[in-house]
Amino acid sequence: MFIAYAVLAVVLSLVLIFSARPDITRDPKITEGLKVLGVPDSWFLPLGLVKIAGALGLLAGIAYRPLGIAAAIGVVLYFLGAVITHLRAGDKKGSSTPAAIMLFSVAPLVLGFATV
């Protein structure tokens, strides 16, 4: 189970890093969509940094599992918030990507508890 946790933590960390880059660099393709959802400009950098923190926490969790569990909980909650934001704005189609990442991030959480 440890190997499964480590692989999923690394894969999810890569997803989070690639997801954070457009937020931090203010890629117009992403920022325009977020603005439509009502996300203020001032939130882009902090949202990207939270994703990077989650990625680093998951990677550190390979060595120290409680940190990985805490990071996985944070990632699940982050993307739950993203799904809720999309749904409140009436963007059901756009909620599928954050929902998929949220569901994927449950796996390292469960495996983290199983390998403590």
N, C-alpha and C. Protein backbone atom coordinates (compact mmCIF):
# COMPACT_ATOMS: atom_id res chain seq x y z
N MET A 1 0.81 -1.20 0.00
CA MET A 1 0.00 0.00 0.00
C MET A 1 0.86 1.26 0.00
N PHE A 2 2.05 1.17 0.59
CA PHE A 2 2.92 2.34 0.61
C PHE A 2 3.30 2.76 -0.81
N ILE A 3 3.59 1.80 -1.65
CA ILE A 3 3.98 2.12 -3.04
C ILE A 3 2.83 2.79 -3.76
N ALA A 4 1.61 2.31 -3.54
CA ALA A 4 0.44 2.93 -4.17
C ALA A 4 0.27 4.36 -3.68
N TYR A 5 0.46 4.57 -2.38
CA TYR A 5 0.36 5.93 -1.84
C TYR A 5 1.41 6.83 -2.48
N ALA A 6 2.65 6.34 -2.53
CA ALA A 6 3.74 7.16 -3.07
C ALA A 6 3.48 7.51 -4.54
N VAL A 7 3.05 6.56 -5.32
CA VAL A 7 2.78 6.81 -6.75
C VAL A 7 1.65 7.83 -6.90
N LEU A 8 0.57 7.63 -6.17
CA LEU A 8 -0.56 8.57 -6.28
C LEU A 8 -0.19 9.95 -5.76
N ALA A 9 0.61 10.03 -4.72
CA ALA A 9 1.04 11.32 -4.19
C ALA A 9 1.88 12.06 -5.23
N VAL A 10 2.76 11.36 -5.90
CA VAL A 10 3.60 11.99 -6.93
C VAL A 10 2.75 12.43 -8.11
N VAL A 11 1.85 11.57 -8.57
CA VAL A 11 1.01 11.92 -9.72
C VAL A 11 0.11 13.11 -9.39
N LEU A 12 -0.52 13.07 -8.23
CA LEU A 12 -1.38 14.19 -7.83
C LEU A 12 -0.57 15.46 -7.64
N SER A 13 0.63 15.36 -7.13
CA SER A 13 1.49 16.54 -6.99
C SER A 13 1.80 17.15 -8.34
N LEU A 14 2.07 16.32 -9.33
CA LEU A 14 2.32 16.84 -10.68
C LEU A 14 1.09 17.53 -11.24
N VAL A 15 -0.08 16.94 -11.03
CA VAL A 15 -1.33 17.55 -11.47
C VAL A 15 -1.51 18.92 -10.82
N LEU A 16 -1.23 18.99 -9.53
CA LEU A 16 -1.38 20.26 -8.80
C LEU A 16 -0.39 21.31 -9.29
N ILE A 17 0.84 20.91 -9.55
CA ILE A 17 1.84 21.87 -10.04
C ILE A 17 1.43 22.40 -11.41
N PHE A 18 1.01 21.50 -12.30
CA PHE A 18 0.59 21.95 -13.63
C PHE A 18 -0.69 22.77 -13.57
N SER A 19 -1.51 22.52 -12.58
CA SER A 19 -2.74 23.30 -12.40
C SER A 19 -2.45 24.67 -11.80
N ALA A 20 -1.39 24.76 -11.01
CA ALA A 20 -1.06 26.02 -10.35
C ALA A 20 -0.37 27.01 -11.29
N ARG A 21 0.36 26.52 -12.26
CA ARG A 21 1.13 27.39 -13.15
C ARG A 21 0.27 28.45 -13.84
N PRO A 22 -0.88 28.10 -14.43
CA PRO A 22 -1.69 29.15 -15.08
C PRO A 22 -2.24 30.17 -14.09
N ASP A 23 -2.51 29.75 -12.86
CA ASP A 23 -3.00 30.69 -11.85
C ASP A 23 -1.91 31.71 -11.51
N ILE A 24 -0.71 31.22 -11.31
CA ILE A 24 0.39 32.08 -10.89
C ILE A 24 0.83 33.00 -12.03
N THR A 25 0.87 32.48 -13.24
CA THR A 25 1.31 33.28 -14.39
C THR A 25 0.16 34.09 -15.01
N ARG A 26 -1.03 33.93 -14.45
CA ARG A 26 -2.22 34.64 -14.94
C ARG A 26 -2.48 34.38 -16.43
N ASP A 27 -2.48 33.12 -16.79
CA ASP A 27 -2.78 32.71 -18.17
C ASP A 27 -4.20 33.18 -18.51
N PRO A 28 -4.35 33.98 -19.57
CA PRO A 28 -5.68 34.53 -19.91
C PRO A 28 -6.75 33.47 -20.14
N LYS A 29 -6.37 32.31 -20.64
CA LYS A 29 -7.35 31.24 -20.87
C LYS A 29 -8.01 30.81 -19.56
N ILE A 30 -7.22 30.77 -18.51
CA ILE A 30 -7.73 30.35 -17.20
C ILE A 30 -8.34 31.52 -16.44
N THR A 31 -7.66 32.66 -16.44
CA THR A 31 -8.13 33.78 -15.62
C THR A 31 -9.48 34.31 -16.11
N GLU A 32 -9.71 34.30 -17.40
CA GLU A 32 -11.02 34.78 -17.90
C GLU A 32 -12.14 33.88 -17.40
N GLY A 33 -11.89 32.57 -17.40
CA GLY A 33 -12.89 31.64 -16.88
C GLY A 33 -13.14 31.82 -15.40
N LEU A 34 -12.08 32.09 -14.66
CA LEU A 34 -12.24 32.30 -13.22
C LEU A 34 -12.96 33.60 -12.93
N LYS A 35 -12.69 34.63 -13.73
CA LYS A 35 -13.38 35.91 -13.54
C LYS A 35 -14.88 35.75 -13.77
N VAL A 36 -15.26 34.94 -14.76
CA VAL A 36 -16.67 34.69 -15.03
C VAL A 36 -17.34 34.04 -13.81
N LEU A 37 -16.57 33.22 -13.11
CA LEU A 37 -17.10 32.55 -11.92
C LEU A 37 -17.17 33.47 -10.71
N GLY A 38 -16.57 34.66 -10.84
CA GLY A 38 -16.61 35.61 -9.74
C GLY A 38 -15.37 35.60 -8.86
N VAL A 39 -14.30 34.96 -9.33
CA VAL A 39 -13.05 34.92 -8.56
C VAL A 39 -12.29 36.22 -8.81
N PRO A 40 -11.97 36.98 -7.76
CA PRO A 40 -11.24 38.24 -7.94
C PRO A 40 -9.80 38.02 -8.41
N ASP A 41 -9.26 39.00 -9.11
CA ASP A 41 -7.87 38.93 -9.59
C ASP A 41 -6.89 38.68 -8.46
N SER A 42 -7.14 39.26 -7.33
CA SER A 42 -6.20 39.16 -6.21
C SER A 42 -6.10 37.74 -5.64
N TRP A 43 -7.00 36.86 -6.03
CA TRP A 43 -6.98 35.49 -5.52
C TRP A 43 -6.14 34.54 -6.36
N PHE A 44 -5.77 34.92 -7.59
CA PHE A 44 -5.09 33.98 -8.48
C PHE A 44 -3.78 33.47 -7.90
N LEU A 45 -2.92 34.37 -7.44
CA LEU A 45 -1.64 33.94 -6.88
C LEU A 45 -1.83 33.08 -5.63
N PRO A 46 -2.65 33.51 -4.65
CA PRO A 46 -2.85 32.64 -3.47
C PRO A 46 -3.43 31.27 -3.81
N LEU A 47 -4.34 31.21 -4.77
CA LEU A 47 -4.91 29.91 -5.14
C LEU A 47 -3.84 29.02 -5.75
N GLY A 48 -2.98 29.59 -6.58
CA GLY A 48 -1.89 28.81 -7.15
C GLY A 48 -0.90 28.34 -6.09
N LEU A 49 -0.60 29.21 -5.14
CA LEU A 49 0.33 28.85 -4.07
C LEU A 49 -0.25 27.77 -3.15
N VAL A 50 -1.56 27.78 -2.96
CA VAL A 50 -2.19 26.73 -2.15
C VAL A 50 -2.05 25.38 -2.85
N LYS A 51 -2.20 25.37 -4.17
CA LYS A 51 -2.01 24.11 -4.92
C LYS A 51 -0.58 23.61 -4.78
N ILE A 52 0.38 24.53 -4.86
CA ILE A 52 1.79 24.13 -4.71
C ILE A 52 2.04 23.61 -3.30
N ALA A 53 1.46 24.26 -2.30
CA ALA A 53 1.61 23.79 -0.92
C ALA A 53 1.03 22.39 -0.77
N GLY A 54 -0.10 22.14 -1.39
CA GLY A 54 -0.69 20.80 -1.35
C GLY A 54 0.22 19.77 -2.00
N ALA A 55 0.82 20.14 -3.13
CA ALA A 55 1.73 19.22 -3.81
C ALA A 55 2.95 18.92 -2.94
N LEU A 56 3.52 19.95 -2.34
CA LEU A 56 4.68 19.74 -1.47
C LEU A 56 4.32 18.91 -0.23
N GLY A 57 3.13 19.15 0.31
CA GLY A 57 2.68 18.38 1.46
C GLY A 57 2.48 16.91 1.13
N LEU A 58 1.93 16.65 -0.05
CA LEU A 58 1.76 15.25 -0.47
C LEU A 58 3.10 14.56 -0.63
N LEU A 59 4.06 15.27 -1.23
CA LEU A 59 5.39 14.68 -1.41
C LEU A 59 6.08 14.47 -0.07
N ALA A 60 5.96 15.43 0.84
CA ALA A 60 6.55 15.27 2.17
C ALA A 60 5.86 14.13 2.93
N GLY A 61 4.59 13.89 2.60
CA GLY A 61 3.84 12.83 3.24
C GLY A 61 4.35 11.44 2.93
N ILE A 62 5.17 11.33 1.89
CA ILE A 62 5.78 10.03 1.60
C ILE A 62 6.72 9.65 2.75
N ALA A 63 7.40 10.63 3.30
CA ALA A 63 8.31 10.38 4.42
C ALA A 63 7.61 10.50 5.77
N TYR A 64 6.67 11.44 5.88
CA TYR A 64 5.98 11.68 7.15
C TYR A 64 4.47 11.71 6.88
N ARG A 65 3.85 10.55 7.03
CA ARG A 65 2.48 10.33 6.59
C ARG A 65 1.46 11.33 7.13
N PRO A 66 1.51 11.76 8.41
CA PRO A 66 0.51 12.72 8.87
C PRO A 66 0.47 14.01 8.05
N LEU A 67 1.62 14.45 7.58
CA LEU A 67 1.65 15.64 6.74
C LEU A 67 0.98 15.36 5.39
N GLY A 68 1.21 14.19 4.85
CA GLY A 68 0.57 13.82 3.59
C GLY A 68 -0.94 13.71 3.73
N ILE A 69 -1.39 13.19 4.86
CA ILE A 69 -2.83 13.09 5.11
C ILE A 69 -3.44 14.48 5.22
N ALA A 70 -2.77 15.37 5.96
CA ALA A 70 -3.26 16.74 6.09
C ALA A 70 -3.30 17.44 4.73
N ALA A 71 -2.27 17.23 3.92
CA ALA A 71 -2.23 17.84 2.59
C ALA A 71 -3.35 17.29 1.72
N ALA A 72 -3.59 15.99 1.78
CA ALA A 72 -4.65 15.38 0.98
C ALA A 72 -6.02 15.92 1.40
N ILE A 73 -6.22 16.09 2.69
CA ILE A 73 -7.48 16.69 3.17
C ILE A 73 -7.63 18.10 2.60
N GLY A 74 -6.55 18.86 2.64
CA GLY A 74 -6.58 20.21 2.10
C GLY A 74 -6.89 20.23 0.61
N VAL A 75 -6.31 19.31 -0.14
CA VAL A 75 -6.55 19.25 -1.58
C VAL A 75 -8.00 18.88 -1.86
N VAL A 76 -8.52 17.91 -1.12
CA VAL A 76 -9.93 17.54 -1.30
C VAL A 76 -10.83 18.74 -1.03
N LEU A 77 -10.57 19.45 0.06
CA LEU A 77 -11.40 20.61 0.40
C LEU A 77 -11.24 21.74 -0.63
N TYR A 78 -10.03 21.95 -1.12
CA TYR A 78 -9.79 22.98 -2.14
C TYR A 78 -10.65 22.71 -3.38
N PHE A 79 -10.60 21.48 -3.87
CA PHE A 79 -11.33 21.17 -5.09
C PHE A 79 -12.83 21.01 -4.84
N LEU A 80 -13.23 20.69 -3.62
CA LEU A 80 -14.65 20.73 -3.27
C LEU A 80 -15.14 22.17 -3.38
N GLY A 81 -14.34 23.10 -2.88
CA GLY A 81 -14.68 24.52 -3.03
C GLY A 81 -14.75 24.94 -4.49
N ALA A 82 -13.86 24.41 -5.32
CA ALA A 82 -13.88 24.73 -6.74
C ALA A 82 -15.16 24.20 -7.40
N VAL A 83 -15.54 22.99 -7.04
CA VAL A 83 -16.78 22.41 -7.59
C VAL A 83 -17.98 23.26 -7.17
N ILE A 84 -18.04 23.62 -5.91
CA ILE A 84 -19.15 24.45 -5.40
C ILE A 84 -19.18 25.79 -6.12
N THR A 85 -18.01 26.40 -6.34
CA THR A 85 -17.94 27.68 -7.04
C THR A 85 -18.50 27.56 -8.46
N HIS A 86 -18.12 26.50 -9.15
CA HIS A 86 -18.63 26.29 -10.51
C HIS A 86 -20.15 26.09 -10.50
N LEU A 87 -20.63 25.28 -9.58
CA LEU A 87 -22.07 24.99 -9.53
C LEU A 87 -22.87 26.23 -9.15
N ARG A 88 -22.36 27.02 -8.22
CA ARG A 88 -23.08 28.25 -7.83
C ARG A 88 -23.16 29.24 -8.98
N ALA A 89 -22.16 29.21 -9.87
CA ALA A 89 -22.16 30.10 -11.02
C ALA A 89 -22.95 29.51 -12.18
N GLY A 90 -23.51 28.32 -12.00
CA GLY A 90 -24.29 27.68 -13.05
C GLY A 90 -23.45 27.00 -14.11
N ASP A 91 -22.19 26.72 -13.81
CA ASP A 91 -21.27 26.11 -14.77
C ASP A 91 -21.11 24.63 -14.46
N LYS A 92 -22.14 23.85 -14.78
CA LYS A 92 -22.09 22.41 -14.49
C LYS A 92 -21.01 21.71 -15.31
N LYS A 93 -20.86 22.11 -16.57
CA LYS A 93 -19.86 21.49 -17.43
C LYS A 93 -18.45 21.75 -16.90
N GLY A 94 -18.18 22.96 -16.43
CA GLY A 94 -16.87 23.32 -15.92
C GLY A 94 -16.53 22.69 -14.60
N SER A 95 -17.52 22.14 -13.91
CA SER A 95 -17.25 21.54 -12.59
C SER A 95 -16.67 20.13 -12.71
N SER A 96 -16.65 19.56 -13.90
CA SER A 96 -16.20 18.18 -14.04
C SER A 96 -14.70 18.01 -13.77
N THR A 97 -13.89 18.96 -14.21
CA THR A 97 -12.45 18.83 -13.99
C THR A 97 -12.10 18.93 -12.50
N PRO A 98 -12.57 19.97 -11.78
CA PRO A 98 -12.25 19.97 -10.35
C PRO A 98 -12.87 18.79 -9.60
N ALA A 99 -14.02 18.30 -10.06
CA ALA A 99 -14.63 17.15 -9.41
C ALA A 99 -13.76 15.90 -9.60
N ALA A 100 -13.21 15.75 -10.79
CA ALA A 100 -12.34 14.59 -11.05
C ALA A 100 -11.07 14.66 -10.21
N ILE A 101 -10.48 15.85 -10.11
CA ILE A 101 -9.27 15.99 -9.30
C ILE A 101 -9.60 15.75 -7.83
N MET A 102 -10.75 16.23 -7.39
CA MET A 102 -11.16 16.02 -6.00
C MET A 102 -11.31 14.52 -5.71
N LEU A 103 -11.97 13.81 -6.60
CA LEU A 103 -12.15 12.38 -6.40
C LEU A 103 -10.82 11.64 -6.44
N PHE A 104 -9.95 12.06 -7.35
CA PHE A 104 -8.62 11.45 -7.44
C PHE A 104 -7.82 11.70 -6.16
N SER A 105 -8.00 12.86 -5.54
CA SER A 105 -7.23 13.18 -4.34
C SER A 105 -7.74 12.45 -3.11
N VAL A 106 -8.89 11.81 -3.20
CA VAL A 106 -9.38 11.00 -2.09
C VAL A 106 -8.52 9.74 -1.95
N ALA A 107 -7.99 9.24 -3.06
CA ALA A 107 -7.21 8.00 -3.02
C ALA A 107 -5.96 8.13 -2.14
N PRO A 108 -5.12 9.17 -2.32
CA PRO A 108 -3.98 9.29 -1.40
C PRO A 108 -4.40 9.51 0.05
N LEU A 109 -5.55 10.14 0.24
CA LEU A 109 -6.05 10.34 1.60
C LEU A 109 -6.36 8.99 2.25
N VAL A 110 -7.08 8.15 1.55
CA VAL A 110 -7.45 6.83 2.08
C VAL A 110 -6.20 5.97 2.27
N LEU A 111 -5.32 5.98 1.26
CA LEU A 111 -4.10 5.20 1.38
C LEU A 111 -3.18 5.74 2.47
N GLY A 112 -3.21 7.03 2.69
CA GLY A 112 -2.41 7.63 3.76
C GLY A 112 -2.84 7.10 5.11
N PHE A 113 -4.15 7.03 5.32
CA PHE A 113 -4.64 6.46 6.58
C PHE A 113 -4.32 4.97 6.69
N ALA A 114 -4.36 4.27 5.56
CA ALA A 114 -4.13 2.83 5.58
C ALA A 114 -2.67 2.49 5.84
N THR A 115 -1.76 3.42 5.57
CA THR A 115 -0.33 3.10 5.71
C THR A 115 0.33 3.82 6.87
N VAL A 116 -0.47 4.39 7.78
CA VAL A 116 0.12 5.08 8.93
C VAL A 116 0.77 4.09 9.85
